[in-house]
C-alpha atoms as a PDB file:
ATOM      1  CA  MET A   1     -27.792 -27.539   2.659  1.00  0.00           C
ATOM      2  CA  ASP A   2     -30.559 -25.080   3.282  1.00  0.00           C
ATOM      3  CA  VAL A   3     -30.185 -21.476   4.437  1.00  0.00           C
ATOM      4  CA  VAL A   4     -32.854 -20.544   6.970  1.00  0.00           C
ATOM      5  CA  MET A   5     -33.482 -16.912   7.913  1.00  0.00           C
ATOM      6  CA  GLU A   6     -35.293 -16.148  11.139  1.00  0.00           C
ATOM      7  CA  ARG A   7     -35.954 -12.865  12.899  1.00  0.00           C
ATOM      8  CA  ASP A   8     -32.755 -13.081  14.963  1.00  0.00           C
ATOM      9  CA  ARG A   9     -30.606 -15.740  13.287  1.00  0.00           C
ATOM     10  CA  VAL A  10     -29.444 -17.131   9.968  1.00  0.00           C
ATOM     11  CA  GLN A  11     -28.474 -20.806   9.709  1.00  0.00           C
ATOM     12  CA  TYR A  12     -27.160 -23.397   7.293  1.00  0.00           C
ATOM     13  CA  LEU A  13     -28.954 -26.662   7.945  1.00  0.00           C
ATOM     14  CA  GLY A  14     -27.672 -30.019   6.807  1.00  0.00           C
ATOM     15  CA  GLY A  15     -29.595 -33.216   6.209  1.00  0.00           C
ATOM     16  CA  GLY A  16     -31.952 -33.966   9.054  1.00  0.00           C
ATOM     17  CA  GLY A  17     -32.132 -30.300   9.990  1.00  0.00           C
ATOM     18  CA  ASN A  18     -28.902 -30.220  11.989  1.00  0.00           C
ATOM     19  CA  VAL A  19     -27.254 -26.802  12.277  1.00  0.00           C
ATOM     20  CA  LEU A  20     -23.952 -26.691  10.378  1.00  0.00           C
ATOM     21  CA  ALA A  21     -23.411 -22.943  10.668  1.00  0.00           C
ATOM     22  CA  GLU A  22     -25.192 -19.976  12.196  1.00  0.00           C
ATOM     23  CA  VAL A  23     -25.037 -16.317  13.135  1.00  0.00           C
ATOM     24  CA  THR A  24     -27.347 -15.026  15.876  1.00  0.00           C
ATOM     25  CA  PHE A  25     -28.358 -11.376  16.260  1.00  0.00           C
ATOM     26  CA  PRO A  26     -31.115 -10.836  18.843  1.00  0.00           C
ATOM     27  CA  GLN A  27     -32.521  -7.366  19.431  1.00  0.00           C
ATOM     28  CA  VAL A  28     -31.104  -6.434  22.844  1.00  0.00           C
ATOM     29  CA  GLU A  29     -32.540  -2.954  23.181  1.00  0.00           C
ATOM     30  CA  PRO A  30     -34.758  -0.727  21.067  1.00  0.00           C
ATOM     31  CA  GLY A  31     -33.122  -0.262  17.678  1.00  0.00           C
ATOM     32  CA  VAL A  32     -30.081  -2.473  18.369  1.00  0.00           C
ATOM     33  CA  ALA A  33     -29.377  -6.074  17.333  1.00  0.00           C
ATOM     34  CA  GLU A  34     -26.364  -7.710  18.982  1.00  0.00           C
ATOM     35  CA  ILE A  35     -24.392 -10.060  16.738  1.00  0.00           C
ATOM     36  CA  ASN A  36     -23.362 -12.318  19.580  1.00  0.00           C
ATOM     37  CA  HIS A  37     -22.613 -15.749  18.136  1.00  0.00           C
ATOM     38  CA  THR A  38     -21.058 -17.218  15.013  1.00  0.00           C
ATOM     39  CA  PHE A  39     -20.585 -20.947  14.506  1.00  0.00           C
ATOM     40  CA  VAL A  40     -19.338 -22.980  11.546  1.00  0.00           C
ATOM     41  CA  ASP A  41     -18.975 -26.755  11.692  1.00  0.00           C
ATOM     42  CA  GLU A  42     -15.438 -28.034  11.039  1.00  0.00           C
ATOM     43  CA  SER A  43     -16.623 -29.646   7.803  1.00  0.00           C
ATOM     44  CA  LEU A  44     -17.421 -26.200   6.339  1.00  0.00           C
ATOM     45  CA  ARG A  45     -14.546 -24.100   7.681  1.00  0.00           C
ATOM     46  CA  GLY A  46     -12.391 -22.271   5.180  1.00  0.00           C
ATOM     47  CA  ARG A  47     -15.161 -22.038   2.575  1.00  0.00           C
ATOM     48  CA  GLY A  48     -16.420 -18.531   3.310  1.00  0.00           C
ATOM     49  CA  VAL A  49     -19.584 -19.768   5.010  1.00  0.00           C
ATOM     50  CA  ALA A  50     -19.256 -17.509   8.055  1.00  0.00           C
ATOM     51  CA  GLY A  51     -18.732 -14.478   5.821  1.00  0.00           C
ATOM     52  CA  GLU A  52     -21.775 -15.332   3.736  1.00  0.00           C
ATOM     53  CA  LEU A  53     -23.949 -15.758   6.820  1.00  0.00           C
ATOM     54  CA  MET A  54     -22.636 -12.507   8.305  1.00  0.00           C
ATOM     55  CA  GLY A  55     -23.494 -10.706   5.084  1.00  0.00           C
ATOM     56  CA  ARG A  56     -27.040 -12.050   5.272  1.00  0.00           C
ATOM     57  CA  ALA A  57     -27.334 -11.171   8.963  1.00  0.00           C
ATOM     58  CA  VAL A  58     -26.114  -7.617   8.379  1.00  0.00           C
ATOM     59  CA  ALA A  59     -28.500  -7.190   5.441  1.00  0.00           C
ATOM     60  CA  SER A  60     -31.380  -8.396   7.620  1.00  0.00           C
ATOM     61  CA  ILE A  61     -30.431  -6.026  10.445  1.00  0.00           C
ATOM     62  CA  ALA A  62     -30.203  -3.093   8.035  1.00  0.00           C
ATOM     63  CA  ALA A  63     -33.508  -3.995   6.349  1.00  0.00           C
ATOM     64  CA  SER A  64     -35.169  -4.020   9.770  1.00  0.00           C
ATOM     65  CA  GLY A  65     -33.932  -0.498  10.446  1.00  0.00           C
ATOM     66  CA  LEU A  66     -31.760  -1.629  13.334  1.00  0.00           C
ATOM     67  CA  ALA A  67     -28.172  -0.851  14.257  1.00  0.00           C
ATOM     68  CA  ALA A  68     -25.694  -3.684  14.843  1.00  0.00           C
ATOM     69  CA  ARG A  69     -23.615  -4.277  17.948  1.00  0.00           C
ATOM     70  CA  PRO A  70     -20.969  -6.884  17.098  1.00  0.00           C
ATOM     71  CA  THR A  71     -19.821  -8.664  20.261  1.00  0.00           C
ATOM     72  CA  CYS A  72     -18.551 -12.033  19.043  1.00  0.00           C
ATOM     73  CA  SER A  73     -14.954 -11.960  17.818  1.00  0.00           C
ATOM     74  CA  TYR A  74     -15.828 -12.995  14.260  1.00  0.00           C
ATOM     75  CA  ALA A  75     -18.441 -10.242  13.906  1.00  0.00           C
ATOM     76  CA  VAL A  76     -15.995  -7.625  15.193  1.00  0.00           C
ATOM     77  CA  SER A  77     -13.397  -8.813  12.672  1.00  0.00           C
ATOM     78  CA  TRP A  78     -15.970  -8.897   9.847  1.00  0.00           C
ATOM     79  CA  PHE A  79     -16.916  -5.264  10.421  1.00  0.00           C
ATOM     80  CA  GLU A  80     -13.216  -4.294  10.466  1.00  0.00           C
ATOM     81  CA  LYS A  81     -12.881  -5.900   7.013  1.00  0.00           C
ATOM     82  CA  HIS A  82     -16.068  -4.211   5.718  1.00  0.00           C
ATOM     83  CA  PRO A  83     -15.698  -0.500   6.495  1.00  0.00           C
ATOM     84  CA  GLU A  84     -18.533   0.233   4.052  1.00  0.00           C
ATOM     85  CA  ARG A  85     -20.872  -1.175   6.727  1.00  0.00           C
ATOM     86  CA  ALA A  86     -19.445   0.894   9.612  1.00  0.00           C
ATOM     87  CA  ALA A  87     -22.462   3.238   9.611  1.00  0.00           C
ATOM     88  CA  LEU A  88     -24.587   0.300  10.756  1.00  0.00           C
ATOM     89  CA  ILE A  89     -22.648  -0.158  14.002  1.00  0.00           C
ATOM     90  CA  ALA A  90     -24.448   1.038  17.133  1.00  0.00           C
END
């Protein structure tokens, strides 16, 4: 599997380039990226993949100088479990 970072998403790609997991975080207004989608294929669930991708997404948002607006249920839960990242929330 390959991890691919883009400006507004991080993905795990399997053989043939199919998306096995992803977190999307488009910039929705100046200075704010909305974490609006998290997906993990059934074959990878329970392995911490979503948490790893969220960590990468949050690091990318912070490195870009943006605030995060978690709107998908997983992102909201992730921030609740990581209070050290609360300052990043818009």
